[in-house]
PDB file of N, CA and C in Angstrom:
ATOM      1  N   ARG A   1     163.010  39.725 -29.847  1.00  0.00           N
ATOM      2  CA  ARG A   1     161.984  40.062 -28.741  1.00  0.00           C
ATOM      3  C   ARG A   1     160.297  40.845 -29.560  1.00  0.00           C
ATOM      4  N   ARG A   2     159.470  40.189 -28.770  1.00  0.00           N
ATOM      5  CA  ARG A   2     157.943  40.013 -29.211  1.00  0.00           C
ATOM      6  C   ARG A   2     157.383  40.649 -29.364  1.00  0.00           C
ATOM      7  N   ASP A   3     156.946  40.728 -31.008  1.00  0.00           N
ATOM      8  CA  ASP A   3     155.799  42.225 -31.318  1.00  0.00           C
ATOM      9  C   ASP A   3     154.791  41.796 -30.099  1.00  0.00           C
ATOM     10  N   PRO A   4     154.186  43.342 -29.388  1.00  0.00           N
ATOM     11  CA  PRO A   4     152.841  43.186 -28.622  1.00  0.00           C
ATOM     12  C   PRO A   4     152.035  43.356 -29.247  1.00  0.00           C
ATOM     13  N   ALA A   5     152.094  43.722 -30.505  1.00  0.00           N
ATOM     14  CA  ALA A   5     150.676  43.609 -31.753  1.00  0.00           C
ATOM     15  C   ALA A   5     150.282  42.045 -31.512  1.00  0.00           C
ATOM     16  N   LEU A   6     150.960  41.226 -31.972  1.00  0.00           N
ATOM     17  CA  LEU A   6     151.070  39.593 -32.309  1.00  0.00           C
ATOM     18  C   LEU A   6     150.730  39.114 -30.786  1.00  0.00           C
ATOM     19  N   VAL A   7     151.174  38.989 -29.904  1.00  0.00           N
ATOM     20  CA  VAL A   7     150.873  38.751 -28.753  1.00  0.00           C
ATOM     21  C   VAL A   7     149.677  38.699 -28.257  1.00  0.00           C
ATOM     22  N   ALA A   8     149.053  40.497 -28.492  1.00  0.00           N
ATOM     23  CA  ALA A   8     148.143  40.583 -27.844  1.00  0.00           C
ATOM     24  C   ALA A   8     146.686  40.285 -29.201  1.00  0.00           C
ATOM     25  N   ALA A   9     146.888  39.424 -29.891  1.00  0.00           N
ATOM     26  CA  ALA A   9     146.128  39.173 -31.320  1.00  0.00           C
ATOM     27  C   ALA A   9     145.648  37.673 -30.920  1.00  0.00           C
ATOM     28  N   VAL A  10     146.807  37.005 -30.294  1.00  0.00           N
ATOM     29  CA  VAL A  10     146.973  35.381 -30.047  1.00  0.00           C
ATOM     30  C   VAL A  10     146.460  35.559 -28.995  1.00  0.00           C
ATOM     31  N   ARG A  11     146.700  36.158 -27.840  1.00  0.00           N
ATOM     32  CA  ARG A  11     145.840  36.483 -26.863  1.00  0.00           C
ATOM     33  C   ARG A  11     144.556  36.631 -26.984  1.00  0.00           C
ATOM     34  N   SER A  12     143.693  37.044 -27.461  1.00  0.00           N
ATOM     35  CA  SER A  12     142.361  37.818 -27.853  1.00  0.00           C
ATOM     36  C   SER A  12     141.923  36.999 -28.322  1.00  0.00           C
ATOM     37  N   ALA A  13     142.264  35.730 -29.378  1.00  0.00           N
ATOM     38  CA  ALA A  13     141.763  34.955 -30.249  1.00  0.00           C
ATOM     39  C   ALA A  13     142.108  33.645 -29.652  1.00  0.00           C
ATOM     40  N   ALA A  14     142.982  33.329 -28.676  1.00  0.00           N
ATOM     41  CA  ALA A  14     142.284  31.976 -27.801  1.00  0.00           C
ATOM     42  C   ALA A  14     141.262  32.761 -26.463  1.00  0.00           C
ATOM     43  N   GLY A  15     141.707  34.132 -26.092  1.00  0.00           N
ATOM     44  CA  GLY A  15     140.129  34.115 -25.819  1.00  0.00           C
ATOM     45  C   GLY A  15     138.811  34.062 -25.976  1.00  0.00           C
ATOM     46  N   ALA A  16     138.660  34.365 -27.458  1.00  0.00           N
ATOM     47  CA  ALA A  16     137.619  34.083 -28.647  1.00  0.00           C
ATOM     48  C   ALA A  16     137.356  32.763 -28.430  1.00  0.00           C
ATOM     49  N   ALA A  17     138.382  32.043 -28.971  1.00  0.00           N
ATOM     50  CA  ALA A  17     138.152  30.656 -28.936  1.00  0.00           C
ATOM     51  C   ALA A  17     137.699  29.477 -27.791  1.00  0.00           C
ATOM     52  N   ALA A  18     138.457  30.332 -26.126  1.00  0.00           N
ATOM     53  CA  ALA A  18     137.658  29.506 -25.514  1.00  0.00           C
ATOM     54  C   ALA A  18     136.258  30.197 -24.763  1.00  0.00           C
ATOM     55  N   ASP A  19     135.719  31.260 -25.360  1.00  0.00           N
ATOM     56  CA  ASP A  19     134.680  31.525 -25.235  1.00  0.00           C
ATOM     57  C   ASP A  19     133.890  30.637 -26.286  1.00  0.00           C
ATOM     58  N   ALA A  20     133.628  30.311 -27.731  1.00  0.00           N
ATOM     59  CA  ALA A  20     132.863  29.872 -28.048  1.00  0.00           C
ATOM     60  C   ALA A  20     133.357  28.389 -28.114  1.00  0.00           C
ATOM     61  N   ILE A  21     134.018  27.669 -27.384  1.00  0.00           N
ATOM     62  CA  ILE A  21     134.267  26.616 -27.389  1.00  0.00           C
ATOM     63  C   ILE A  21     133.460  26.222 -25.870  1.00  0.00           C
ATOM     64  N   ALA A  22     133.193  27.383 -24.709  1.00  0.00           N
ATOM     65  CA  ALA A  22     133.104  26.964 -23.740  1.00  0.00           C
ATOM     66  C   ALA A  22     130.840  27.341 -23.937  1.00  0.00           C
ATOM     67  N   GLY A  23     130.971  27.895 -24.860  1.00  0.00           N
ATOM     68  CA  GLY A  23     129.115  27.380 -25.332  1.00  0.00           C
ATOM     69  C   GLY A  23     129.008  26.232 -25.878  1.00  0.00           C
ATOM     70  N   VAL A  24     130.028  25.983 -26.449  1.00  0.00           N
ATOM     71  CA  VAL A  24     129.595  23.937 -26.571  1.00  0.00           C
ATOM     72  C   VAL A  24     129.431  23.251 -25.828  1.00  0.00           C
ATOM     73  N   VAL A  25     130.247  23.653 -24.403  1.00  0.00           N
ATOM     74  CA  VAL A  25     130.143  22.177 -23.878  1.00  0.00           C
ATOM     75  C   VAL A  25     128.788  22.790 -22.692  1.00  0.00           C
ATOM     76  N   ASP A  26     128.611  24.495 -22.699  1.00  0.00           N
ATOM     77  CA  ASP A  26     127.452  24.095 -22.233  1.00  0.00           C
ATOM     78  C   ASP A  26     126.066  23.651 -22.705  1.00  0.00           C
ATOM     79  N   ALA A  27     126.371  23.805 -23.679  1.00  0.00           N
ATOM     80  CA  ALA A  27     124.967  22.821 -24.693  1.00  0.00           C
ATOM     81  C   ALA A  27     125.165  21.638 -24.785  1.00  0.00           C
ATOM     82  N   ALA A  28     126.306  21.046 -24.052  1.00  0.00           N
ATOM     83  CA  ALA A  28     126.224  19.808 -24.461  1.00  0.00           C
ATOM     84  C   ALA A  28     126.317  19.369 -22.759  1.00  0.00           C
ATOM     85  N   VAL A  29     126.180  19.925 -22.095  1.00  0.00           N
ATOM     86  CA  VAL A  29     125.751  20.000 -21.042  1.00  0.00           C
ATOM     87  C   VAL A  29     124.503  19.934 -20.576  1.00  0.00           C
ATOM     88  N   HIS A  30     123.254  20.821 -21.006  1.00  0.00           N
ATOM     89  CA  HIS A  30     122.469  20.905 -20.476  1.00  0.00           C
ATOM     90  C   HIS A  30     121.414  20.469 -22.011  1.00  0.00           C
ATOM     91  N   ALA A  31     122.306  19.685 -22.809  1.00  0.00           N
ATOM     92  CA  ALA A  31     121.298  18.557 -23.799  1.00  0.00           C
ATOM     93  C   ALA A  31     121.405  17.600 -22.393  1.00  0.00           C
ATOM     94  N   CYS A  32     121.891  17.019 -21.781  1.00  0.00           N
ATOM     95  CA  CYS A  32     121.963  16.253 -21.276  1.00  0.00           C
ATOM     96  C   CYS A  32     121.166  16.363 -19.558  1.00  0.00           C
ATOM     97  N   ALA A  33     121.334  17.048 -19.263  1.00  0.00           N
ATOM     98  CA  ALA A  33     120.352  17.306 -18.486  1.00  0.00           C
ATOM     99  C   ALA A  33     119.212  18.001 -18.390  1.00  0.00           C
ATOM    100  N   GLY A  34     118.719  18.109 -19.734  1.00  0.00           N
ATOM    101  CA  GLY A  34     117.408  18.119 -20.088  1.00  0.00           C
ATOM    102  C   GLY A  34     116.735  17.463 -20.316  1.00  0.00           C
ATOM    103  N   SER A  35     116.601  16.071 -20.467  1.00  0.00           N
ATOM    104  CA  SER A  35     115.921  15.019 -20.839  1.00  0.00           C
ATOM    105  C   SER A  35     116.762  13.873 -19.765  1.00  0.00           C
ATOM    106  N   SER A  36     116.054  13.363 -19.812  1.00  0.00           N
ATOM    107  CA  SER A  36     116.301  11.546 -19.389  1.00  0.00           C
ATOM    108  C   SER A  36     116.509  10.725 -20.411  1.00  0.00           C
ATOM    109  N   GLU A  37     117.447   9.703 -19.775  1.00  0.00           N
ATOM    110  CA  GLU A  37     117.677   8.990 -20.916  1.00  0.00           C
ATOM    111  C   GLU A  37     116.662   8.502 -20.885  1.00  0.00           C
ATOM    112  N   VAL A  38     116.044   7.496 -20.220  1.00  0.00           N
ATOM    113  CA  VAL A  38     114.768   7.003 -20.258  1.00  0.00           C
ATOM    114  C   VAL A  38     113.952   7.399 -21.896  1.00  0.00           C
ATOM    115  N   ASP A  39     113.656   8.424 -21.351  1.00  0.00           N
ATOM    116  CA  ASP A  39     112.835   9.672 -22.065  1.00  0.00           C
ATOM    117  C   ASP A  39     113.339   9.472 -23.552  1.00  0.00           C
ATOM    118  N   ASP A  40     114.730  10.054 -23.529  1.00  0.00           N
ATOM    119  CA  ASP A  40     115.058   9.891 -24.585  1.00  0.00           C
ATOM    120  C   ASP A  40     114.976   8.824 -25.296  1.00  0.00           C
ATOM    121  N   ALA A  41     115.327   7.657 -24.972  1.00  0.00           N
ATOM    122  CA  ALA A  41     115.257   6.302 -25.170  1.00  0.00           C
ATOM    123  C   ALA A  41     114.111   6.067 -25.684  1.00  0.00           C
ATOM    124  N   ARG A  42     112.979   6.372 -25.214  1.00  0.00           N
ATOM    125  CA  ARG A  42     111.335   6.238 -25.185  1.00  0.00           C
ATOM    126  C   ARG A  42     111.321   6.543 -26.975  1.00  0.00           C
ATOM    127  N   ARG A  43     111.428   8.260 -26.956  1.00  0.00           N
ATOM    128  CA  ARG A  43     111.294   8.853 -28.124  1.00  0.00           C
ATOM    129  C   ARG A  43     111.939   8.138 -29.647  1.00  0.00           C
ATOM    130  N   VAL A  44     113.687   7.824 -29.256  1.00  0.00           N
ATOM    131  CA  VAL A  44     114.311   6.608 -30.667  1.00  0.00           C
ATOM    132  C   VAL A  44     113.039   6.133 -30.786  1.00  0.00           C
ATOM    133  N   PHE A  45     113.290   4.675 -29.503  1.00  0.00           N
ATOM    134  CA  PHE A  45     112.257   3.988 -29.897  1.00  0.00           C
ATOM    135  C   PHE A  45     111.045   3.473 -30.475  1.00  0.00           C
ATOM    136  N   GLY A  46     109.758   4.939 -30.695  1.00  0.00           N
ATOM    137  CA  GLY A  46     108.801   5.738 -30.833  1.00  0.00           C
ATOM    138  C   GLY A  46     109.827   5.163 -32.435  1.00  0.00           C
ATOM    139  N   ALA A  47     110.094   6.186 -33.371  1.00  0.00           N
ATOM    140  CA  ALA A  47     110.466   6.426 -33.556  1.00  0.00           C
ATOM    141  C   ALA A  47     110.742   4.893 -34.991  1.00  0.00           C
ATOM    142  N   MET A  48     112.137   4.599 -34.548  1.00  0.00           N
ATOM    143  CA  MET A  48     112.052   3.783 -34.649  1.00  0.00           C
ATOM    144  C   MET A  48     111.522   2.214 -35.385  1.00  0.00           C
ATOM    145  N   ASP A  49     110.162   2.294 -33.947  1.00  0.00           N
ATOM    146  CA  ASP A  49     109.069   1.291 -33.836  1.00  0.00           C
ATOM    147  C   ASP A  49     108.256   1.877 -35.300  1.00  0.00           C
ATOM    148  N   GLU A  50     108.289   3.219 -35.459  1.00  0.00           N
ATOM    149  CA  GLU A  50     106.931   3.552 -36.396  1.00  0.00           C
ATOM    150  C   GLU A  50     107.915   3.412 -37.987  1.00  0.00           C
ATOM    151  N   TRP A  51     109.265   3.222 -38.275  1.00  0.00           N
ATOM    152  CA  TRP A  51     109.659   2.680 -38.929  1.00  0.00           C
ATOM    153  C   TRP A  51     110.404   1.344 -39.618  1.00  0.00           C
ATOM    154  N   CYS A  52     110.615   0.747 -38.153  1.00  0.00           N
ATOM    155  CA  CYS A  52     110.315   0.047 -38.593  1.00  0.00           C
ATOM    156  C   CYS A  52     109.148  -1.194 -38.921  1.00  0.00           C
ATOM    157  N   GLY A  53     108.073  -0.608 -38.568  1.00  0.00           N
ATOM    158  CA  GLY A  53     106.615  -1.502 -38.491  1.00  0.00           C
ATOM    159  C   GLY A  53     106.368  -2.179 -39.533  1.00  0.00           C
ATOM    160  N   PRO A  54     105.199  -2.863 -39.659  1.00  0.00           N
ATOM    161  CA  PRO A  54     104.554  -3.745 -40.704  1.00  0.00           C
ATOM    162  C   PRO A  54     105.297  -3.333 -42.051  1.00  0.00           C
ATOM    163  N   ALA A  55     105.428  -4.163 -42.502  1.00  0.00           N
ATOM    164  CA  ALA A  55     106.053  -3.972 -43.929  1.00  0.00           C
ATOM    165  C   ALA A  55     104.635  -4.257 -44.891  1.00  0.00           C
ATOM    166  N   SER A  56     105.098  -3.681 -46.035  1.00  0.00           N
ATOM    167  CA  SER A  56     104.327  -3.516 -47.045  1.00  0.00           C
ATOM    168  C   SER A  56     103.569  -4.556 -47.565  1.00  0.00           C
ATOM    169  N   SER A  57     102.767  -5.242 -47.978  1.00  0.00           N
ATOM    170  CA  SER A  57     102.769  -6.558 -48.731  1.00  0.00           C
ATOM    171  C   SER A  57     103.783  -6.826 -49.889  1.00  0.00           C
ATOM    172  N   SER A  58     103.861  -5.643 -50.642  1.00  0.00           N
ATOM    173  CA  SER A  58     104.537  -5.593 -51.684  1.00  0.00           C
ATOM    174  C   SER A  58     105.767  -5.459 -51.398  1.00  0.00           C
ATOM    175  N   SER A  59     106.540  -6.024 -49.856  1.00  0.00           N
ATOM    176  CA  SER A  59     108.210  -6.018 -49.349  1.00  0.00           C
ATOM    177  C   SER A  59     108.159  -7.409 -50.046  1.00  0.00           C
ATOM    178  N   SER A  60     109.284  -8.247 -50.286  1.00  0.00           N
ATOM    179  CA  SER A  60     109.955  -9.514 -50.275  1.00  0.00           C
ATOM    180  C   SER A  60     110.790  -9.460 -49.646  1.00  0.00           C
ATOM    181  N   SER A  61     110.604 -10.812 -49.470  1.00  0.00           N
ATOM    182  CA  SER A  61     112.110 -11.005 -48.377  1.00  0.00           C
ATOM    183  C   SER A  61     113.118 -11.190 -48.856  1.00  0.00           C
ATOM    184  N   SER A  62     113.826 -11.052 -50.300  1.00  0.00           N
ATOM    185  CA  SER A  62     115.038 -10.748 -51.247  1.00  0.00           C
ATOM    186  C   SER A  62     115.643  -9.498 -51.416  1.00  0.00           C
ATOM    187  N   SER A  63     114.150  -8.267 -50.638  1.00  0.00           N
ATOM    188  CA  SER A  63     114.874  -6.797 -50.626  1.00  0.00           C
ATOM    189  C   SER A  63     114.930  -6.360 -49.505  1.00  0.00           C
ATOM    190  N   GLY A  64     115.110  -7.308 -48.317  1.00  0.00           N
ATOM    191  CA  GLY A  64     115.152  -6.879 -46.684  1.00  0.00           C
ATOM    192  C   GLY A  64     114.476  -6.838 -46.057  1.00  0.00           C
ATOM    193  N   GLY A  65     112.395  -6.728 -46.696  1.00  0.00           N
ATOM    194  CA  GLY A  65     111.672  -6.633 -45.541  1.00  0.00           C
ATOM    195  C   GLY A  65     111.096  -7.673 -45.993  1.00  0.00           C
ATOM    196  N   ALA A  66     109.947  -7.953 -44.449  1.00  0.00           N
ATOM    197  CA  ALA A  66     109.514  -8.664 -44.046  1.00  0.00           C
ATOM    198  C   ALA A  66     108.248  -8.780 -44.953  1.00  0.00           C
ATOM    199  N   VAL A  67     107.521 -10.464 -45.481  1.00  0.00           N
ATOM    200  CA  VAL A  67     106.260 -10.437 -46.411  1.00  0.00           C
ATOM    201  C   VAL A  67     105.382 -10.988 -45.531  1.00  0.00           C
ATOM    202  N   GLY A  68     104.166 -10.394 -45.982  1.00  0.00           N
ATOM    203  CA  GLY A  68     102.649 -10.391 -45.929  1.00  0.00           C
ATOM    204  C   GLY A  68     102.568  -9.880 -44.405  1.00  0.00           C
ATOM    205  N   GLY A  69     103.079  -8.496 -44.810  1.00  0.00           N
ATOM    206  CA  GLY A  69     102.399  -7.453 -43.200  1.00  0.00           C
ATOM    207  C   GLY A  69     103.542  -7.608 -42.141  1.00  0.00           C
ATOM    208  N   GLY A  70     104.656  -8.928 -41.977  1.00  0.00           N
ATOM    209  CA  GLY A  70     105.838  -8.603 -41.073  1.00  0.00           C
ATOM    210  C   GLY A  70     106.206  -7.736 -40.936  1.00  0.00           C
ATOM    211  N   ARG A  71     107.495  -7.847 -39.241  1.00  0.00           N
ATOM    212  CA  ARG A  71     107.907  -6.661 -39.282  1.00  0.00           C
ATOM    213  C   ARG A  71     109.204  -6.619 -39.493  1.00  0.00           C
ATOM    214  N   LEU A  72     109.184  -5.618 -40.655  1.00  0.00           N
ATOM    215  CA  LEU A  72     110.794  -5.066 -40.525  1.00  0.00           C
ATOM    216  C   LEU A  72     112.132  -5.294 -39.551  1.00  0.00           C
ATOM    217  N   LEU A  73     111.771  -4.850 -38.292  1.00  0.00           N
ATOM    218  CA  LEU A  73     112.570  -5.144 -37.030  1.00  0.00           C
ATOM    219  C   LEU A  73     111.825  -5.472 -35.733  1.00  0.00           C
ATOM    220  N   ASP A  74     111.915  -6.241 -35.405  1.00  0.00           N
ATOM    221  CA  ASP A  74     111.703  -6.503 -34.336  1.00  0.00           C
ATOM    222  C   ASP A  74     111.651  -5.917 -32.982  1.00  0.00           C
ATOM    223  N   SER A  75     110.572  -5.824 -32.626  1.00  0.00           N
ATOM    224  CA  SER A  75     110.418  -3.878 -31.419  1.00  0.00           C
ATOM    225  C   SER A  75     111.310  -4.437 -30.375  1.00  0.00           C
ATOM    226  N   GLY A  76     111.601  -5.309 -29.782  1.00  0.00           N
ATOM    227  CA  GLY A  76     112.826  -5.913 -28.977  1.00  0.00           C
ATOM    228  C   GLY A  76     114.172  -5.278 -29.406  1.00  0.00           C
ATOM    229  N   TYR A  77     114.344  -5.909 -30.272  1.00  0.00           N
ATOM    230  CA  TYR A  77     115.396  -5.312 -30.991  1.00  0.00           C
ATOM    231  C   TYR A  77     115.705  -3.903 -31.270  1.00  0.00           C
ATOM    232  N   ALA A  78     114.625  -3.236 -31.439  1.00  0.00           N
ATOM    233  CA  ALA A  78     114.429  -1.837 -31.656  1.00  0.00           C
ATOM    234  C   ALA A  78     114.342  -0.989 -30.426  1.00  0.00           C
ATOM    235  N   ALA A  79     113.882  -1.601 -29.292  1.00  0.00           N
ATOM    236  CA  ALA A  79     113.904  -0.867 -27.976  1.00  0.00           C
ATOM    237  C   ALA A  79     115.537  -1.179 -27.689  1.00  0.00           C
ATOM    238  N   GLU A  80     116.544  -2.510 -27.809  1.00  0.00           N
ATOM    239  CA  GLU A  80     117.634  -2.377 -27.331  1.00  0.00           C
ATOM    240  C   GLU A  80     118.507  -1.547 -28.310  1.00  0.00           C
ATOM    241  N   ALA A  81     118.124  -1.429 -29.827  1.00  0.00           N
ATOM    242  CA  ALA A  81     119.004  -0.433 -30.367  1.00  0.00           C
ATOM    243  C   ALA A  81     118.423   1.188 -29.984  1.00  0.00           C
ATOM    244  N   ALA A  82     117.575   1.527 -29.508  1.00  0.00           N
ATOM    245  CA  ALA A  82     117.127   2.538 -28.939  1.00  0.00           C
ATOM    246  C   ALA A  82     118.400   2.693 -27.619  1.00  0.00           C
ATOM    247  N   LYS A  83     118.385   2.334 -27.470  1.00  0.00           N
ATOM    248  CA  LYS A  83     119.289   2.240 -25.729  1.00  0.00           C
ATOM    249  C   LYS A  83     120.651   2.562 -25.682  1.00  0.00           C
ATOM    250  N   LYS A  84     121.450   1.923 -26.848  1.00  0.00           N
ATOM    251  CA  LYS A  84     122.789   1.836 -27.737  1.00  0.00           C
ATOM    252  C   LYS A  84     122.489   3.458 -27.928  1.00  0.00           C
ATOM    253  N   VAL A  85     121.445   3.644 -29.107  1.00  0.00           N
ATOM    254  CA  VAL A  85     122.062   4.913 -29.405  1.00  0.00           C
ATOM    255  C   VAL A  85     121.989   6.295 -28.836  1.00  0.00           C
ATOM    256  N   VAL A  86     121.076   6.732 -27.751  1.00  0.00           N
ATOM    257  CA  VAL A  86     120.560   6.886 -26.767  1.00  0.00           C
ATOM    258  C   VAL A  86     122.395   7.365 -25.718  1.00  0.00           C
ATOM    259  N   ALA A  87     122.296   5.944 -25.225  1.00  0.00           N
ATOM    260  CA  ALA A  87     123.772   5.926 -24.372  1.00  0.00           C
ATOM    261  C   ALA A  87     125.113   6.181 -25.130  1.00  0.00           C
ATOM    262  N   SER A  88     125.179   6.062 -26.748  1.00  0.00           N
ATOM    263  CA  SER A  88     126.250   6.656 -27.222  1.00  0.00           C
ATOM    264  C   SER A  88     126.245   7.476 -27.561  1.00  0.00           C
ATOM    265  N   HIS A  89     125.105   8.594 -27.764  1.00  0.00           N
ATOM    266  CA  HIS A  89     125.038  10.025 -27.851  1.00  0.00           C
ATOM    267  C   HIS A  89     125.633  10.923 -26.570  1.00  0.00           C
ATOM    268  N   ARG A  90     124.809  10.076 -25.024  1.00  0.00           N
ATOM    269  CA  ARG A  90     125.051  10.811 -23.897  1.00  0.00           C
ATOM    270  C   ARG A  90     126.580  10.666 -23.599  1.00  0.00           C
ATOM    271  N   SER A  91     126.931   9.474 -24.211  1.00  0.00           N
ATOM    272  CA  SER A  91     128.705   9.609 -24.101  1.00  0.00           C
ATOM    273  C   SER A  91     129.574  10.494 -25.439  1.00  0.00           C
ATOM    274  N   THR A  92     128.446  10.522 -25.822  1.00  0.00           N
ATOM    275  CA  THR A  92     129.407  11.602 -27.345  1.00  0.00           C
ATOM    276  C   THR A  92     129.743  12.872 -25.893  1.00  0.00           C
ATOM    277  N   LEU A  93     128.456  13.571 -25.649  1.00  0.00           N
ATOM    278  CA  LEU A  93     128.220  14.551 -25.588  1.00  0.00           C
ATOM    279  C   LEU A  93     129.047  14.791 -24.203  1.00  0.00           C
ATOM    280  N   GLY A  94     128.989  13.969 -23.295  1.00  0.00           N
ATOM    281  CA  GLY A  94     130.053  13.992 -21.798  1.00  0.00           C
ATOM    282  C   GLY A  94     131.423  13.778 -22.367  1.00  0.00           C
ATOM    283  N   ALA A  95     131.717  13.094 -23.655  1.00  0.00           N
ATOM    284  CA  ALA A  95     133.208  13.456 -24.043  1.00  0.00           C
ATOM    285  C   ALA A  95     133.675  14.919 -24.640  1.00  0.00           C
ATOM    286  N   VAL A  96     132.747  15.399 -25.825  1.00  0.00           N
ATOM    287  CA  VAL A  96     132.407  17.247 -25.615  1.00  0.00           C
ATOM    288  C   VAL A  96     132.741  17.942 -24.747  1.00  0.00           C
ATOM    289  N   ARG A  97     131.934  17.271 -23.702  1.00  0.00           N
ATOM    290  CA  ARG A  97     132.004  18.159 -22.149  1.00  0.00           C
ATOM    291  C   ARG A  97     133.364  18.382 -21.577  1.00  0.00           C
ATOM    292  N   ASP A  98     133.944  16.880 -21.725  1.00  0.00           N
ATOM    293  CA  ASP A  98     135.496  16.413 -20.926  1.00  0.00           C
ATOM    294  C   ASP A  98     136.455  17.260 -21.303  1.00  0.00           C
ATOM    295  N   HIS A  99     136.709  17.017 -22.777  1.00  0.00           N
ATOM    296  CA  HIS A  99     137.312  17.464 -23.859  1.00  0.00           C
ATOM    297  C   HIS A  99     137.533  18.843 -23.852  1.00  0.00           C
ATOM    298  N   GLY A 100     135.849  19.494 -24.282  1.00  0.00           N
ATOM    299  CA  GLY A 100     136.083  20.953 -23.932  1.00  0.00           C
ATOM    300  C   GLY A 100     136.600  21.472 -22.898  1.00  0.00           C
ATOM    301  N   GLU A 101     136.221  21.336 -21.723  1.00  0.00           N
ATOM    302  CA  GLU A 101     136.144  22.227 -20.862  1.00  0.00           C
ATOM    303  C   GLU A 101     137.923  21.645 -20.294  1.00  0.00           C
ATOM    304  N   ARG A 102     138.678  20.800 -20.844  1.00  0.00           N
ATOM    305  CA  ARG A 102     139.954  21.200 -20.639  1.00  0.00           C
ATOM    306  C   ARG A 102     140.821  22.289 -21.751  1.00  0.00           C
ATOM    307  N   LEU A 103     140.354  21.985 -23.009  1.00  0.00           N
ATOM    308  CA  LEU A 103     140.479  23.271 -24.146  1.00  0.00           C
ATOM    309  C   LEU A 103     140.400  24.388 -23.621  1.00  0.00           C
ATOM    310  N   VAL A 104     138.902  24.983 -22.920  1.00  0.00           N
ATOM    311  CA  VAL A 104     139.100  25.934 -22.690  1.00  0.00           C
ATOM    312  C   VAL A 104     140.179  26.323 -21.811  1.00  0.00           C
ATOM    313  N   ALA A 105     140.466  25.360 -20.384  1.00  0.00           N
ATOM    314  CA  ALA A 105     141.420  25.435 -19.048  1.00  0.00           C
ATOM    315  C   ALA A 105     142.542  25.784 -20.141  1.00  0.00           C
ATOM    316  N   GLN A 106     143.102  25.583 -21.235  1.00  0.00           N
ATOM    317  CA  GLN A 106     144.202  25.735 -21.677  1.00  0.00           C
ATOM    318  C   GLN A 106     144.405  27.098 -22.385  1.00  0.00           C
ATOM    319  N   LEU A 107     143.301  27.025 -23.028  1.00  0.00           N
ATOM    320  CA  LEU A 107     142.925  28.515 -24.258  1.00  0.00           C
ATOM    321  C   LEU A 107     143.072  30.230 -22.559  1.00  0.00           C
ATOM    322  N   ARG A 108     142.231  29.445 -22.260  1.00  0.00           N
ATOM    323  CA  ARG A 108     142.504  30.823 -20.884  1.00  0.00           C
ATOM    324  C   ARG A 108     143.813  30.770 -20.146  1.00  0.00           C
ATOM    325  N   VAL A 109     144.383  30.379 -20.123  1.00  0.00           N
ATOM    326  CA  VAL A 109     146.068  30.486 -19.583  1.00  0.00           C
ATOM    327  C   VAL A 109     146.571  30.933 -21.360  1.00  0.00           C
ATOM    328  N   VAL A 110     146.260  31.015 -22.059  1.00  0.00           N
ATOM    329  CA  VAL A 110     147.644  31.450 -23.389  1.00  0.00           C
ATOM    330  C   VAL A 110     146.190  32.780 -23.095  1.00  0.00           C
ATOM    331  N   ALA A 111     145.191  32.761 -23.219  1.00  0.00           N
ATOM    332  CA  ALA A 111     144.298  33.968 -23.214  1.00  0.00           C
ATOM    333  C   ALA A 111     144.673  35.475 -22.330  1.00  0.00           C
ATOM    334  N   ASN A 112     144.890  34.463 -20.973  1.00  0.00           N
ATOM    335  CA  ASN A 112     145.410  35.448 -19.859  1.00  0.00           C
ATOM    336  C   ASN A 112     147.272  35.458 -19.115  1.00  0.00           C
ATOM    337  N   ARG A 113     148.275  35.018 -20.105  1.00  0.00           N
ATOM    338  CA  ARG A 113     149.730  34.548 -20.393  1.00  0.00           C
ATOM    339  C   ARG A 113     149.697  36.569 -20.040  1.00  0.00           C
ATOM    340  N   GLY A 114     150.452  36.811 -19.374  1.00  0.00           N
ATOM    341  CA  GLY A 114     151.335  38.138 -19.468  1.00  0.00           C
ATOM    342  C   GLY A 114     150.726  38.789 -18.839  1.00  0.00           C
ATOM    343  N   GLU A 115     149.261  38.828 -18.225  1.00  0.00           N
ATOM    344  CA  GLU A 115     148.359  39.547 -17.447  1.00  0.00           C
ATOM    345  C   GLU A 115     149.298  39.633 -15.783  1.00  0.00           C
ATOM    346  N   ARG A 116     149.127  40.712 -15.336  1.00  0.00           N
ATOM    347  CA  ARG A 116     150.276  40.474 -13.977  1.00  0.00           C
ATOM    348  C   ARG A 116     149.851  41.574 -13.197  1.00  0.00           C
TER     349      ARG A 116
END
């Protein structure tokens, strides 16, 4: 025979876990909806462009930097990299949403099992 206290504890834990994961799913959805992909890419590009801007004149090509005030990373490459970073980030948030929603549904079944 099943221990009613143990069953109640498992159901309670499943409900609490479902609530917590639902919060993560909600945050992922709002992160994607809260800004546009284009604006996000522009912000990432701006940061990358600033970081990869002109090298100091003391940089040498042997250390990976540009010589004589050149750029460490071409702006075109930085723009493409920014697009890829943002697309990857949004894809990851989409996966968090999808997997989280499935897990929440499964946990809700466990939490509600036996309630009739």
